[in-house]
Amino acid sequence: MIEQQIAARNEFDIDIDNQSRQYLVFSLGDEEYAVDILKVQEIRGYENVTRIANVPAFIKGVTNLRGVIVPIVDLRIKFNLENVEYGDLTSVIVINVGQRVIGVVVDGVSDVMTLMPKQIRPAPEFGSALSTEYLYGLGSLEDRMLILVDIDKLLSSREMALMPPSEESRQAG
């Protein structure tokens, strides 16, 4: 009986992988990026944040979101893109990563797109000149190319210092 349940569950998992996924599409400069919609808690307009001393430049500060202190990361700075002034379209995408809530500043949010696995290609390797470790792949839909961001890897990376160290990294250190 247990083996049948496991087999049925594994078949279900395989079916999920062949299903379409939805991505929230946002812009940074002239490029379109996307994150898995299931990671998004909400989208807000950009508001001033409380600056914190001695943090990397891409961490703009923190804000109070209904009693929860949320760090705010500017992806333009993180991705070394030209600095654009904050305007009416500037948005904060509030993301759930692990047990943490983190806001990411983007130039604007455009839509939600559904992609099938066949529409997603692996991120190209650029050698040491450009890191693609935070990219899930490239999604293509008609005449649009989306850079799919692995938001879990990005926001939980050691250089971001936004997440508590994992058990593995504490033991290794």
Protein backbone atom coordinates (compact mmCIF):
# COMPACT_ATOMS: atom_id res chain seq x y z
CA MET A 1 0.00 0.00 0.00
CA ILE A 2 2.77 2.48 0.93
CA GLU A 3 4.69 1.65 -2.26
CA GLN A 4 1.59 2.47 -4.33
CA GLN A 5 1.21 5.83 -2.57
CA ILE A 6 4.87 6.66 -3.16
CA ALA A 7 4.62 5.62 -6.82
CA ALA A 8 1.46 7.68 -7.27
CA ARG A 9 3.14 10.66 -5.61
CA ASN A 10 6.23 10.32 -7.83
CA GLU A 11 4.03 10.18 -10.93
CA PHE A 12 2.24 13.30 -9.68
CA ASP A 13 5.59 15.07 -9.14
CA ILE A 14 6.67 14.18 -12.67
CA ASP A 15 3.39 15.51 -14.05
CA ILE A 16 3.92 18.79 -12.18
CA ASP A 17 7.34 19.22 -13.79
CA ASN A 18 5.74 18.92 -17.24
CA GLN A 19 3.10 21.52 -16.39
CA SER A 20 3.27 25.19 -17.13
CA ARG A 21 4.47 27.63 -14.49
CA GLN A 22 3.52 31.22 -13.95
CA TYR A 23 6.09 33.98 -13.58
CA LEU A 24 5.77 37.58 -12.45
CA VAL A 25 7.45 39.74 -15.09
CA PHE A 26 9.29 42.91 -14.10
CA SER A 27 11.71 45.29 -15.75
CA LEU A 28 15.19 46.41 -14.80
CA GLY A 29 16.45 48.96 -17.27
CA ASP A 30 15.63 47.72 -20.78
CA GLU A 31 15.47 44.03 -19.86
CA GLU A 32 12.58 41.88 -18.69
CA TYR A 33 13.10 39.53 -15.77
CA ALA A 34 10.74 37.08 -14.11
CA VAL A 35 10.35 35.22 -10.82
CA ASP A 36 8.17 32.28 -9.90
CA ILE A 37 4.78 33.75 -8.95
CA LEU A 38 4.49 31.32 -6.03
CA LYS A 39 7.35 33.19 -4.28
CA VAL A 40 5.57 36.55 -4.49
CA GLN A 41 3.64 37.74 -1.45
CA GLU A 42 2.61 41.14 -2.79
CA ILE A 43 3.58 44.08 -4.99
CA ARG A 44 3.85 47.57 -3.51
CA GLY A 45 4.85 51.01 -4.66
CA TYR A 46 8.30 52.14 -3.57
CA GLU A 47 8.38 54.06 -0.31
CA ASN A 48 11.34 55.54 1.50
CA VAL A 49 13.18 53.04 3.67
CA THR A 50 15.16 53.29 6.87
CA ARG A 51 18.86 53.10 5.97
CA ILE A 52 21.09 50.71 7.88
CA ALA A 53 24.80 51.44 8.36
CA ASN A 54 27.51 49.10 7.08
CA VAL A 55 25.41 47.08 4.65
CA PRO A 56 26.19 46.50 0.96
CA ALA A 57 25.00 49.26 -1.41
CA PHE A 58 22.32 47.04 -2.96
CA ILE A 59 20.54 46.74 0.41
CA LYS A 60 18.61 50.00 0.45
CA GLY A 61 17.45 49.57 4.05
CA VAL A 62 14.41 48.19 5.83
CA THR A 63 10.70 48.98 5.99
CA ASN A 64 7.91 48.04 8.35
CA LEU A 65 5.33 45.91 6.57
CA ARG A 66 2.38 45.40 8.92
CA GLY A 67 4.67 44.84 11.91
CA VAL A 68 7.31 42.81 10.05
CA ILE A 69 10.71 44.43 9.41
CA VAL A 70 11.52 43.72 5.75
CA PRO A 71 14.96 44.27 4.18
CA ILE A 72 14.75 46.03 0.79
CA VAL A 73 17.18 45.04 -1.98
CA ASP A 74 17.62 47.08 -5.18
CA LEU A 75 18.17 44.55 -7.98
CA ARG A 76 19.51 47.24 -10.34
CA ILE A 77 22.44 47.78 -8.01
CA LYS A 78 22.84 44.05 -7.29
CA PHE A 79 22.97 43.26 -11.02
CA ASN A 80 25.35 46.19 -11.74
CA LEU A 81 22.83 47.95 -13.99
CA GLU A 82 22.80 51.68 -14.54
CA ASN A 83 21.24 53.55 -11.67
CA VAL A 84 17.77 54.78 -12.57
CA GLU A 85 15.85 57.34 -10.58
CA TYR A 86 12.91 56.04 -8.60
CA GLY A 87 9.66 57.04 -10.28
CA ASP A 88 5.94 56.38 -10.19
CA LEU A 89 6.39 52.91 -11.74
CA THR A 90 9.15 51.82 -9.34
CA SER A 91 7.82 48.86 -7.39
CA VAL A 92 8.78 46.59 -4.53
CA ILE A 93 8.06 42.91 -5.01
CA VAL A 94 7.67 41.32 -1.60
CA ILE A 95 9.12 37.80 -1.78
CA ASN A 96 8.93 34.84 0.58
CA VAL A 97 12.23 32.97 0.79
CA GLY A 98 12.45 30.26 3.40
CA GLN A 99 11.18 31.74 6.64
CA ARG A 100 12.05 35.29 5.57
CA VAL A 101 10.20 38.11 3.81
CA ILE A 102 12.37 40.31 1.58
CA GLY A 103 11.45 43.21 -0.71
CA VAL A 104 13.15 43.73 -4.07
CA VAL A 105 13.07 47.08 -5.88
CA VAL A 106 12.41 46.90 -9.62
CA ASP A 107 11.73 49.52 -12.28
CA GLY A 108 8.22 48.23 -12.88
CA VAL A 109 6.01 45.16 -12.90
CA SER A 110 4.31 44.35 -16.20
CA ASP A 111 2.37 41.10 -16.08
CA VAL A 112 2.14 37.43 -15.20
CA MET A 113 3.22 35.01 -17.93
CA THR A 114 2.72 31.29 -18.21
CA LEU A 115 5.63 29.27 -19.58
CA MET A 116 5.81 25.61 -20.51
CA PRO A 117 9.07 23.73 -19.83
CA LYS A 118 9.84 23.64 -23.58
CA GLN A 119 9.88 27.47 -23.58
CA ILE A 120 12.66 27.63 -20.98
CA ARG A 121 16.32 27.30 -21.96
CA PRO A 122 19.30 27.01 -19.61
CA ALA A 123 21.15 30.22 -18.85
CA PRO A 124 24.25 30.56 -21.06
CA GLU A 125 27.68 30.34 -19.44
CA PHE A 126 29.80 33.48 -19.73
CA GLY A 127 32.86 32.29 -17.85
CA SER A 128 34.10 34.31 -14.91
CA ALA A 129 33.19 37.66 -16.49
CA LEU A 130 29.50 37.31 -15.65
CA SER A 131 27.89 35.11 -13.02
CA THR A 132 24.75 33.25 -14.06
CA GLU A 133 24.41 31.25 -10.86
CA TYR A 134 21.27 33.18 -9.88
CA LEU A 135 19.54 32.61 -13.19
CA TYR A 136 17.11 29.75 -13.62
CA GLY A 137 17.13 30.11 -17.39
CA LEU A 138 15.78 32.13 -20.28
CA GLY A 139 12.10 32.00 -21.15
CA SER A 140 10.89 32.76 -24.64
CA LEU A 141 7.32 33.56 -25.56
CA GLU A 142 6.63 34.88 -29.05
CA ASP A 143 8.91 37.93 -29.44
CA ARG A 144 9.77 38.27 -25.73
CA MET A 145 12.82 36.96 -23.92
CA LEU A 146 12.57 36.75 -20.13
CA ILE A 147 15.53 36.33 -17.80
CA LEU A 148 14.26 33.89 -15.18
CA VAL A 149 15.77 34.67 -11.77
CA ASP A 150 16.24 31.91 -9.20
CA ILE A 151 15.12 34.19 -6.40
CA ASP A 152 15.80 31.57 -3.70
CA LYS A 153 19.48 31.29 -4.70
CA LEU A 154 19.85 35.02 -5.12
CA LEU A 155 18.33 36.13 -1.84
CA SER A 156 19.80 33.32 0.24
CA SER A 157 23.35 33.71 -1.12
CA ARG A 158 26.13 34.37 1.37
CA GLU A 159 27.00 37.76 -0.17
CA MET A 160 23.43 38.98 0.36
CA ALA A 161 23.70 38.18 4.10
CA LEU A 162 19.91 38.34 4.38
CA MET A 163 19.29 34.80 5.54
CA PRO A 164 20.58 33.10 8.66
CA PRO A 165 23.46 30.72 7.91
CA SER A 166 22.33 27.22 7.09
CA GLU A 167 23.25 24.35 9.37
CA GLU A 168 25.77 23.11 6.76
CA SER A 169 27.62 26.44 6.55
CA ARG A 170 27.75 26.74 10.36
CA GLN A 171 29.34 23.29 10.62
CA ALA A 172 31.81 24.02 7.82
CA GLY A 173 32.89 27.34 9.39
